[in-house]
Amino acid sequence: MRQVRTIRYREIAADLRRRVEADEFASGRLLPSEALLSAQYNASRVTVRKALEELRGEGLVDSRQGFGWFVPGTTVRQTLGRLGTIESQLESEGRRSERRILDVDFEFAPADIRAELGVDRVMVVSRLNLADGEPFARVTVWCPEEYGAHLTRSQLRAKSFLELLPVSFAGATQVIAADAAGEEDARLLMVPRGSPVLVCRRITRDHTGRPILVGRHVFPAHRTEFVVELGQPQPSIGPGGLHLRV
């Protein structure tokens, strides 16, 4: 019986290996759940998991708590410490970036946005950012209506706010926190609902220090890295630029 189980998991591993190498599962995308694979192969979850573990040992698949199994993809790495766009970073690496505009609207600013921007009316842009055709960020940006009123969807798709607005930008503050994917974020980012995401809230200011943009970026945690360059060591309990919330 043990020999039968051994042969079975190796058969499943061989077929999954073939499917992965044939690009049936896109890079960064999830494989079917263990339960679904068990049904597909008419095998126990223990047998399926052993087959997946063999493929993980070969570097063909990986798993994360809350995600399940997936084909490892190229991580979207973002360098912090300077004001710029992730699109420019991707393009400098020879990767293809795309902004997919989901919605553009003008509305009364929510209380927290009004407090940041100091205006009652705002333009709200919701978009999905993709790298090499795969979604890596759901983005919402608020800006004063006076600045956004003349912008078109095609302009917003082609360029960033840093390029479009007639403003001399001078800096930004970013707060990055862990969260769980809600239903809409999970659908757009193609991850399970409740899976780990990184949420970045960015406030971008002009040369006078006035906040011009408030952005909320949601990234799938298994595909995202933030890199911070640290300067000379100073007496501190943690890396410079990091704030602990307890």
Protein backbone atom coordinates (compact mmCIF):
# COMPACT_ATOMS: atom_id res chain seq x y z
CA MET A 1 0.00 0.00 0.00
CA ARG A 2 2.82 2.37 0.87
CA GLN A 3 4.46 1.64 -2.49
CA VAL A 4 1.19 2.48 -4.27
CA ARG A 5 0.98 5.84 -2.47
CA THR A 6 4.63 6.55 -3.37
CA ILE A 7 3.99 5.82 -7.03
CA ARG A 8 0.82 7.91 -6.97
CA TYR A 9 2.39 11.08 -5.54
CA ARG A 10 5.22 10.81 -8.06
CA GLU A 11 2.70 10.50 -10.89
CA ILE A 12 0.87 13.59 -9.65
CA ALA A 13 4.16 15.48 -9.26
CA ALA A 14 5.14 14.56 -12.81
CA ASP A 15 1.83 15.77 -14.24
CA LEU A 16 1.91 19.02 -12.22
CA ARG A 17 5.50 19.55 -13.35
CA ARG A 18 4.38 19.18 -16.95
CA ARG A 19 1.53 21.65 -16.43
CA VAL A 20 3.79 24.23 -14.78
CA GLU A 21 6.46 23.94 -17.47
CA ALA A 22 3.76 24.27 -20.13
CA ASP A 23 2.77 27.63 -18.55
CA GLU A 24 -0.71 26.41 -17.69
CA PHE A 25 -0.34 28.41 -14.48
CA ALA A 26 0.87 31.98 -15.07
CA SER A 27 3.79 33.30 -13.06
CA GLY A 28 2.63 34.64 -9.72
CA ARG A 29 -0.84 33.11 -10.10
CA LEU A 30 -2.36 30.59 -7.75
CA LEU A 31 -2.62 26.90 -8.50
CA PRO A 32 -5.93 25.16 -7.84
CA SER A 33 -6.47 24.49 -4.14
CA GLU A 34 -5.30 21.23 -2.58
CA ALA A 35 -8.93 20.17 -2.30
CA LEU A 36 -9.55 20.78 -6.01
CA LEU A 37 -6.34 19.03 -7.00
CA SER A 38 -7.34 16.09 -4.81
CA ALA A 39 -10.60 15.85 -6.74
CA GLN A 40 -8.85 16.25 -10.12
CA TYR A 41 -6.36 13.47 -9.39
CA ASN A 42 -8.70 11.32 -7.29
CA ALA A 43 -6.11 11.28 -4.51
CA SER A 44 -5.92 12.29 -0.87
CA ARG A 45 -4.78 15.78 0.13
CA VAL A 46 -1.80 14.20 1.87
CA THR A 47 -0.71 12.65 -1.44
CA VAL A 48 -1.29 15.90 -3.36
CA ARG A 49 0.62 17.91 -0.76
CA LYS A 50 3.56 15.53 -0.98
CA ALA A 51 3.63 16.00 -4.76
CA LEU A 52 3.55 19.78 -4.33
CA GLU A 53 6.34 19.63 -1.76
CA GLU A 54 8.47 17.77 -4.30
CA LEU A 55 7.89 20.54 -6.85
CA ARG A 56 8.71 23.15 -4.21
CA GLY A 57 12.03 21.40 -3.65
CA GLU A 58 12.70 21.87 -7.37
CA GLY A 59 11.77 25.58 -7.18
CA LEU A 60 8.78 25.17 -9.49
CA VAL A 61 6.09 26.14 -6.96
CA ASP A 62 5.92 27.84 -3.59
CA SER A 63 3.31 28.49 -0.91
CA ARG A 64 2.51 31.21 1.61
CA GLN A 65 0.22 31.17 4.60
CA GLY A 66 -3.17 32.46 3.50
CA PHE A 67 -2.42 32.12 -0.23
CA GLY A 68 -2.02 28.48 -1.07
CA TRP A 69 0.31 27.22 -3.79
CA PHE A 70 1.54 29.38 -6.67
CA VAL A 71 4.16 29.53 -9.39
CA PRO A 72 6.93 31.89 -8.20
CA GLY A 73 7.08 35.04 -10.29
CA THR A 74 9.37 38.02 -10.53
CA THR A 75 8.90 40.16 -7.43
CA VAL A 76 7.91 43.78 -7.96
CA ARG A 77 10.62 45.56 -5.99
CA GLN A 78 10.11 49.22 -5.11
CA THR A 79 12.90 51.45 -3.86
CA LEU A 80 11.87 53.94 -1.20
CA GLY A 81 13.74 57.11 -0.38
CA ARG A 82 13.04 59.12 -3.53
CA LEU A 83 9.94 60.49 -5.20
CA GLY A 84 9.19 58.57 -8.36
CA THR A 85 6.80 56.10 -9.97
CA ILE A 86 6.83 52.33 -9.92
CA GLU A 87 6.27 52.41 -13.68
CA SER A 88 9.62 54.10 -14.23
CA GLN A 89 11.31 51.50 -12.02
CA LEU A 90 9.72 48.64 -13.95
CA GLU A 91 10.66 50.12 -17.30
CA SER A 92 14.27 50.62 -16.14
CA GLU A 93 14.33 46.86 -15.48
CA GLY A 94 13.05 46.11 -18.98
CA ARG A 95 9.61 45.11 -17.75
CA ARG A 96 6.29 46.17 -19.28
CA SER A 97 4.05 48.34 -17.11
CA GLU A 98 0.40 49.23 -17.66
CA ARG A 99 -2.20 51.41 -15.94
CA ARG A 100 -5.74 50.13 -16.32
CA ILE A 101 -8.22 52.87 -15.36
CA LEU A 102 -11.16 51.42 -13.43
CA ASP A 103 -13.06 54.60 -12.58
CA VAL A 104 -12.77 58.41 -12.63
CA ASP A 105 -15.14 60.56 -10.60
CA PHE A 106 -15.57 63.94 -8.96
CA GLU A 107 -17.10 64.03 -5.50
CA PHE A 108 -17.13 65.65 -2.09
CA ALA A 109 -14.00 64.60 -0.27
CA PRO A 110 -14.31 62.07 2.56
CA ALA A 111 -13.42 63.53 5.95
CA ASP A 112 -9.87 62.09 6.08
CA ILE A 113 -9.06 63.25 2.53
CA ARG A 114 -10.52 66.70 3.20
CA ALA A 115 -8.32 66.96 6.28
CA GLU A 116 -5.22 66.10 4.24
CA LEU A 117 -5.87 68.17 1.10
CA GLY A 118 -7.84 71.04 2.64
CA VAL A 119 -10.49 71.03 -0.11
CA ASP A 120 -14.14 70.01 -0.33
CA ARG A 121 -14.21 68.66 -3.90
CA VAL A 122 -11.80 66.10 -5.27
CA MET A 123 -11.10 64.03 -8.33
CA VAL A 124 -10.90 60.29 -7.51
CA VAL A 125 -9.08 57.92 -9.84
CA SER A 126 -9.18 54.17 -9.30
CA ARG A 127 -6.82 52.02 -11.36
CA LEU A 128 -5.13 48.66 -11.57
CA ASN A 129 -1.37 48.57 -12.19
CA LEU A 130 0.10 45.61 -14.07
CA ALA A 131 3.65 44.36 -14.59
CA ASP A 132 4.18 42.17 -17.66
CA GLY A 133 0.41 41.71 -17.85
CA GLU A 134 -0.02 40.59 -14.22
CA PRO A 135 -1.82 42.78 -11.62
CA PHE A 136 0.42 43.97 -8.80
CA ALA A 137 -1.36 47.00 -7.31
CA ARG A 138 -4.82 48.44 -6.88
CA VAL A 139 -4.46 52.20 -6.64
CA THR A 140 -6.82 54.99 -5.61
CA VAL A 141 -5.68 58.61 -5.93
CA TRP A 142 -7.43 61.76 -4.69
CA CYS A 143 -6.45 65.25 -5.85
CA PRO A 144 -8.15 68.67 -5.67
CA GLU A 145 -10.81 69.07 -8.33
CA GLU A 146 -9.14 72.21 -9.65
CA TYR A 147 -6.10 70.17 -10.72
CA GLY A 148 -7.92 67.13 -12.07
CA ALA A 149 -10.81 68.75 -13.95
CA HIS A 150 -8.93 68.95 -17.27
CA LEU A 151 -7.50 65.40 -17.25
CA THR A 152 -8.87 62.67 -19.54
CA ARG A 153 -8.92 58.90 -19.03
CA SER A 154 -6.41 58.43 -21.83
CA GLN A 155 -4.00 60.87 -20.17
CA LEU A 156 -4.41 59.13 -16.82
CA ARG A 157 -3.75 55.80 -18.48
CA ALA A 158 -0.61 57.03 -20.24
CA LYS A 159 1.08 59.13 -17.55
CA SER A 160 1.36 59.56 -13.80
CA PHE A 161 -0.01 62.47 -11.80
CA LEU A 162 3.58 63.59 -11.25
CA GLU A 163 3.86 64.13 -15.01
CA LEU A 164 0.35 65.45 -15.65
CA LEU A 165 -0.21 68.12 -13.01
CA PRO A 166 1.23 71.64 -13.44
CA VAL A 167 2.84 71.40 -10.02
CA SER A 168 6.43 71.38 -8.79
CA PHE A 169 6.45 68.33 -6.53
CA ALA A 170 8.95 68.29 -3.69
CA GLY A 171 8.37 65.15 -1.64
CA ALA A 172 6.00 62.62 -0.14
CA THR A 173 5.28 60.73 3.05
CA GLN A 174 4.42 57.05 2.87
CA VAL A 175 2.95 54.81 5.55
CA ILE A 176 3.04 51.08 4.78
CA ALA A 177 1.02 48.59 6.81
CA ALA A 178 -0.09 44.97 6.56
CA ASP A 179 -3.74 44.12 5.99
CA ALA A 180 -6.01 41.39 4.63
CA ALA A 181 -7.44 41.54 1.10
CA GLY A 182 -11.09 42.54 0.92
CA GLU A 183 -13.44 41.14 -1.69
CA GLU A 184 -12.78 43.76 -4.38
CA ASP A 185 -9.01 43.88 -3.87
CA ALA A 186 -8.86 40.08 -3.94
CA ARG A 187 -10.81 39.93 -7.21
CA LEU A 188 -8.68 42.54 -8.96
CA LEU A 189 -5.33 41.29 -7.67
CA MET A 190 -6.29 37.64 -8.23
CA VAL A 191 -5.53 36.52 -4.68
CA PRO A 192 -7.75 34.81 -2.09
CA ARG A 193 -9.99 37.01 0.00
CA GLY A 194 -8.37 37.57 3.38
CA SER A 195 -4.86 36.90 2.07
CA PRO A 196 -1.99 39.21 3.15
CA VAL A 197 -1.61 42.53 1.36
CA LEU A 198 0.58 45.58 1.91
CA VAL A 199 -1.28 48.88 1.99
CA CYS A 200 0.68 52.05 1.25
CA ARG A 201 -0.83 55.48 1.93
CA ARG A 202 1.15 58.24 0.23
CA ILE A 203 0.73 61.99 0.66
CA THR A 204 2.58 63.95 -2.04
CA ARG A 205 3.41 67.64 -1.52
CA ASP A 206 4.39 70.55 -3.73
CA HIS A 207 7.43 72.78 -3.22
CA THR A 208 5.53 74.89 -0.66
CA GLY A 209 4.72 71.84 1.44
CA ARG A 210 1.03 71.78 0.45
CA PRO A 211 -0.44 68.26 0.06
CA ILE A 212 -1.59 67.78 -3.54
CA LEU A 213 -2.19 64.04 -3.83
CA VAL A 214 -3.36 61.32 -1.49
CA GLY A 215 -2.84 57.80 -2.78
CA ARG A 216 -3.80 54.38 -1.47
CA HIS A 217 -1.90 51.45 -2.98
CA VAL A 218 -2.78 47.83 -2.23
CA PHE A 219 -0.11 45.23 -3.13
CA PRO A 220 -0.28 41.42 -2.94
CA ALA A 221 2.28 40.57 -0.26
CA HIS A 222 3.75 37.56 -2.06
CA ARG A 223 4.77 39.65 -5.09
CA THR A 224 5.99 42.87 -3.47
CA GLU A 225 9.20 44.03 -1.81
CA PHE A 226 10.06 47.50 -0.52
CA VAL A 227 13.74 48.41 -0.38
CA VAL A 228 15.07 51.18 1.86
CA GLU A 229 18.61 52.49 1.52
CA LEU A 230 20.02 53.38 4.94
CA GLY A 231 22.72 55.99 5.52
CA GLN A 232 25.28 56.33 8.29
CA PRO A 233 24.44 54.47 11.51
CA GLN A 234 22.91 56.53 14.29
CA PRO A 235 21.82 55.60 17.81
CA SER A 236 18.36 54.11 17.33
CA ILE A 237 16.23 51.13 18.24
CA GLY A 238 15.33 50.48 14.62
CA PRO A 239 16.11 51.43 10.99
CA GLY A 240 15.78 55.11 10.16
CA GLY A 241 12.51 56.12 8.53
CA LEU A 242 10.49 53.40 10.23
CA HIS A 243 7.84 54.16 12.85
CA LEU A 244 6.56 51.45 15.14
CA ARG A 245 2.85 51.43 15.92
CA VAL A 246 2.08 49.57 19.13
